[in-house]
Amino acid sequence: EVQIVESGGGLVQPGGSLRLSCVATGFEFDRYGIQWFRQAPGTQRELVAGIGSVRNIEYADSVKGRFTVSRDRYTRTVTLQMNNLNPEDTGEYFCKVVIAGIPYWGQGTRVTVSA
């Protein structure tokens, strides 16, 4: 059974940092890319960052230079390091993996950037 579990969210002041983790089990971790999405209240879910099976990486323009995504095959974890956070980064952050055309999502972790 595929399971995706995010953690690490919280409340942080503008300019602060958070480190989100996504632990993925139930499939061959090395074979699949994993993406981070976020959803602010009243908006659509948007791609934040993704890391492929061969570590090809993509970022949304809004987070380039501030966020770093990485993966660890031994802990089956995809990490999103978020620096210099601003209020526009507030939202629910989700991990997604697509296997055989089926998307699997975690339950999300909430990030709030506020003074």
C-alpha atoms as a PDB file:
ATOM      1  CA  GLU A   1       0.000   0.000   0.000  1.00  0.00           C
ATOM      2  CA  VAL A   2       1.347   3.382  -1.028  1.00  0.00           C
ATOM      3  CA  GLN A   3       1.567   5.783   1.891  1.00  0.00           C
ATOM      4  CA  ILE A   4       2.683   9.400   1.820  1.00  0.00           C
ATOM      5  CA  VAL A   5       3.170  11.243   5.095  1.00  0.00           C
ATOM      6  CA  GLU A   6       4.172  14.892   5.317  1.00  0.00           C
ATOM      7  CA  SER A   7       5.417  16.675   8.419  1.00  0.00           C
ATOM      8  CA  GLY A   8       7.318  19.729   9.535  1.00  0.00           C
ATOM      9  CA  GLY A   9       4.786  22.472   9.026  1.00  0.00           C
ATOM     10  CA  GLY A  10       4.132  25.201  11.541  1.00  0.00           C
ATOM     11  CA  LEU A  11       3.960  28.894  12.223  1.00  0.00           C
ATOM     12  CA  VAL A  12       6.958  30.989  11.257  1.00  0.00           C
ATOM     13  CA  GLN A  13       7.662  34.678  10.954  1.00  0.00           C
ATOM     14  CA  PRO A  14       8.439  36.283   7.598  1.00  0.00           C
ATOM     15  CA  GLY A  15      12.068  35.685   6.729  1.00  0.00           C
ATOM     16  CA  GLY A  16      12.138  32.475   8.700  1.00  0.00           C
ATOM     17  CA  SER A  17      12.744  28.894   7.633  1.00  0.00           C
ATOM     18  CA  LEU A  18      11.001  25.544   7.801  1.00  0.00           C
ATOM     19  CA  ARG A  19      12.001  22.082   6.755  1.00  0.00           C
ATOM     20  CA  LEU A  20       9.241  19.814   5.469  1.00  0.00           C
ATOM     21  CA  SER A  21       9.576  16.067   5.192  1.00  0.00           C
ATOM     22  CA  CYS A  22       7.676  13.601   3.047  1.00  0.00           C
ATOM     23  CA  VAL A  23       8.092   9.927   3.854  1.00  0.00           C
ATOM     24  CA  ALA A  24       6.907   7.653   1.061  1.00  0.00           C
ATOM     25  CA  THR A  25       6.445   3.900   1.423  1.00  0.00           C
ATOM     26  CA  GLY A  26       4.773   1.051  -0.392  1.00  0.00           C
ATOM     27  CA  PHE A  27       6.549   1.381  -3.733  1.00  0.00           C
ATOM     28  CA  GLU A  28      10.026   1.335  -5.255  1.00  0.00           C
ATOM     29  CA  PHE A  29      11.166   4.710  -4.029  1.00  0.00           C
ATOM     30  CA  ASP A  30      14.080   5.047  -6.459  1.00  0.00           C
ATOM     31  CA  ARG A  31      11.894   4.625  -9.528  1.00  0.00           C
ATOM     32  CA  TYR A  32       9.574   7.578  -9.097  1.00  0.00           C
ATOM     33  CA  GLY A  33       9.703  11.304  -8.950  1.00  0.00           C
ATOM     34  CA  ILE A  34       7.967  13.041  -6.077  1.00  0.00           C
ATOM     35  CA  GLN A  35       6.515  16.509  -6.089  1.00  0.00           C
ATOM     36  CA  TRP A  36       5.588  19.075  -3.463  1.00  0.00           C
ATOM     37  CA  PHE A  37       2.419  21.084  -3.983  1.00  0.00           C
ATOM     38  CA  ARG A  38       0.776  23.718  -1.874  1.00  0.00           C
ATOM     39  CA  GLN A  39      -2.705  25.084  -1.596  1.00  0.00           C
ATOM     40  CA  ALA A  40      -3.615  28.391  -0.026  1.00  0.00           C
ATOM     41  CA  PRO A  41      -7.182  28.957   1.163  1.00  0.00           C
ATOM     42  CA  GLY A  42      -9.481  29.635  -1.763  1.00  0.00           C
ATOM     43  CA  THR A  43      -6.890  28.796  -4.406  1.00  0.00           C
ATOM     44  CA  GLN A  44      -5.972  25.827  -6.541  1.00  0.00           C
ATOM     45  CA  ARG A  45      -3.210  23.467  -5.604  1.00  0.00           C
ATOM     46  CA  GLU A  46       0.055  24.532  -7.241  1.00  0.00           C
ATOM     47  CA  LEU A  47       3.359  22.828  -7.879  1.00  0.00           C
ATOM     48  CA  VAL A  48       6.149  24.073  -5.631  1.00  0.00           C
ATOM     49  CA  ALA A  49       9.012  21.698  -6.385  1.00  0.00           C
ATOM     50  CA  GLY A  50       9.694  18.260  -7.745  1.00  0.00           C
ATOM     51  CA  ILE A  51      12.560  15.824  -7.782  1.00  0.00           C
ATOM     52  CA  GLY A  52      12.771  12.976 -10.228  1.00  0.00           C
ATOM     53  CA  SER A  53      14.134   9.489  -9.902  1.00  0.00           C
ATOM     54  CA  VAL A  54      17.448  10.651 -11.365  1.00  0.00           C
ATOM     55  CA  ARG A  55      17.355  13.770  -9.207  1.00  0.00           C
ATOM     56  CA  ASN A  56      16.224  16.092 -11.963  1.00  0.00           C
ATOM     57  CA  ILE A  57      14.712  19.017 -10.123  1.00  0.00           C
ATOM     58  CA  GLU A  58      12.127  21.665 -10.869  1.00  0.00           C
ATOM     59  CA  TYR A  59      10.899  24.652  -8.902  1.00  0.00           C
ATOM     60  CA  ALA A  60       8.069  27.113  -9.228  1.00  0.00           C
ATOM     61  CA  ASP A  61       9.406  30.532 -10.157  1.00  0.00           C
ATOM     62  CA  SER A  62       8.047  31.957  -6.926  1.00  0.00           C
ATOM     63  CA  VAL A  63      10.303  29.757  -4.785  1.00  0.00           C
ATOM     64  CA  LYS A  64      13.502  29.603  -6.843  1.00  0.00           C
ATOM     65  CA  GLY A  65      16.500  30.595  -4.776  1.00  0.00           C
ATOM     66  CA  ARG A  66      14.607  30.125  -1.505  1.00  0.00           C
ATOM     67  CA  PHE A  67      13.473  26.489  -1.496  1.00  0.00           C
ATOM     68  CA  THR A  68      15.589  23.378  -1.946  1.00  0.00           C
ATOM     69  CA  VAL A  69      14.216  19.898  -2.578  1.00  0.00           C
ATOM     70  CA  SER A  70      16.204  16.735  -1.972  1.00  0.00           C
ATOM     71  CA  ARG A  71      15.637  13.014  -1.564  1.00  0.00           C
ATOM     72  CA  ASP A  72      17.155  10.242   0.505  1.00  0.00           C
ATOM     73  CA  ARG A  73      16.624   6.685  -0.661  1.00  0.00           C
ATOM     74  CA  TYR A  74      17.658   5.194   2.674  1.00  0.00           C
ATOM     75  CA  THR A  75      15.011   7.021   4.690  1.00  0.00           C
ATOM     76  CA  ARG A  76      12.570   7.183   1.753  1.00  0.00           C
ATOM     77  CA  THR A  77      12.213  10.869   2.425  1.00  0.00           C
ATOM     78  CA  VAL A  78      11.833  13.892   0.187  1.00  0.00           C
ATOM     79  CA  THR A  79      12.732  17.073   2.006  1.00  0.00           C
ATOM     80  CA  LEU A  80      11.725  20.618   1.197  1.00  0.00           C
ATOM     81  CA  GLN A  81      13.960  23.190   2.834  1.00  0.00           C
ATOM     82  CA  MET A  82      12.202  26.544   2.792  1.00  0.00           C
ATOM     83  CA  ASN A  83      14.141  29.706   3.555  1.00  0.00           C
ATOM     84  CA  ASN A  84      13.252  33.369   3.561  1.00  0.00           C
ATOM     85  CA  LEU A  85       9.578  32.557   3.861  1.00  0.00           C
ATOM     86  CA  ASN A  86       6.974  35.207   3.170  1.00  0.00           C
ATOM     87  CA  PRO A  87       3.222  35.346   3.828  1.00  0.00           C
ATOM     88  CA  GLU A  88       2.510  34.228   0.252  1.00  0.00           C
ATOM     89  CA  ASP A  89       4.064  30.880   1.135  1.00  0.00           C
ATOM     90  CA  THR A  90       1.244  30.185   3.575  1.00  0.00           C
ATOM     91  CA  GLY A  91      -0.795  27.115   2.759  1.00  0.00           C
ATOM     92  CA  GLU A  92      -1.200  23.393   3.065  1.00  0.00           C
ATOM     93  CA  TYR A  93       1.780  21.532   1.616  1.00  0.00           C
ATOM     94  CA  PHE A  94       1.290  18.134   0.019  1.00  0.00           C
ATOM     95  CA  CYS A  95       3.498  15.438  -1.493  1.00  0.00           C
ATOM     96  CA  LYS A  96       2.445  13.589  -4.594  1.00  0.00           C
ATOM     97  CA  VAL A  97       3.704  10.548  -6.451  1.00  0.00           C
ATOM     98  CA  VAL A  98       2.183   9.113  -9.611  1.00  0.00           C
ATOM     99  CA  ILE A  99       2.438   5.364 -10.062  1.00  0.00           C
ATOM    100  CA  ALA A 100       0.993   3.650 -13.142  1.00  0.00           C
ATOM    101  CA  GLY A 101      -0.990   6.770 -13.849  1.00  0.00           C
ATOM    102  CA  ILE A 102      -2.522   6.911 -10.384  1.00  0.00           C
ATOM    103  CA  PRO A 103      -1.734   9.945  -8.206  1.00  0.00           C
ATOM    104  CA  TYR A 104      -1.117   9.376  -4.523  1.00  0.00           C
ATOM    105  CA  TRP A 105      -1.246  12.288  -2.105  1.00  0.00           C
ATOM    106  CA  GLY A 106      -0.378  12.704   1.506  1.00  0.00           C
ATOM    107  CA  GLN A 107      -2.628  14.364   4.049  1.00  0.00           C
ATOM    108  CA  GLY A 108      -0.630  17.594   3.984  1.00  0.00           C
ATOM    109  CA  THR A 109       1.166  19.739   6.505  1.00  0.00           C
ATOM    110  CA  ARG A 110       0.183  23.313   7.210  1.00  0.00           C
ATOM    111  CA  VAL A 111       2.588  26.216   6.852  1.00  0.00           C
ATOM    112  CA  THR A 112       1.662  29.634   8.163  1.00  0.00           C
ATOM    113  CA  VAL A 113       3.942  32.602   7.623  1.00  0.00           C
ATOM    114  CA  SER A 114       2.848  35.506   9.740  1.00  0.00           C
ATOM    115  CA  ALA A 115       4.234  38.156  12.015  1.00  0.00           C
END
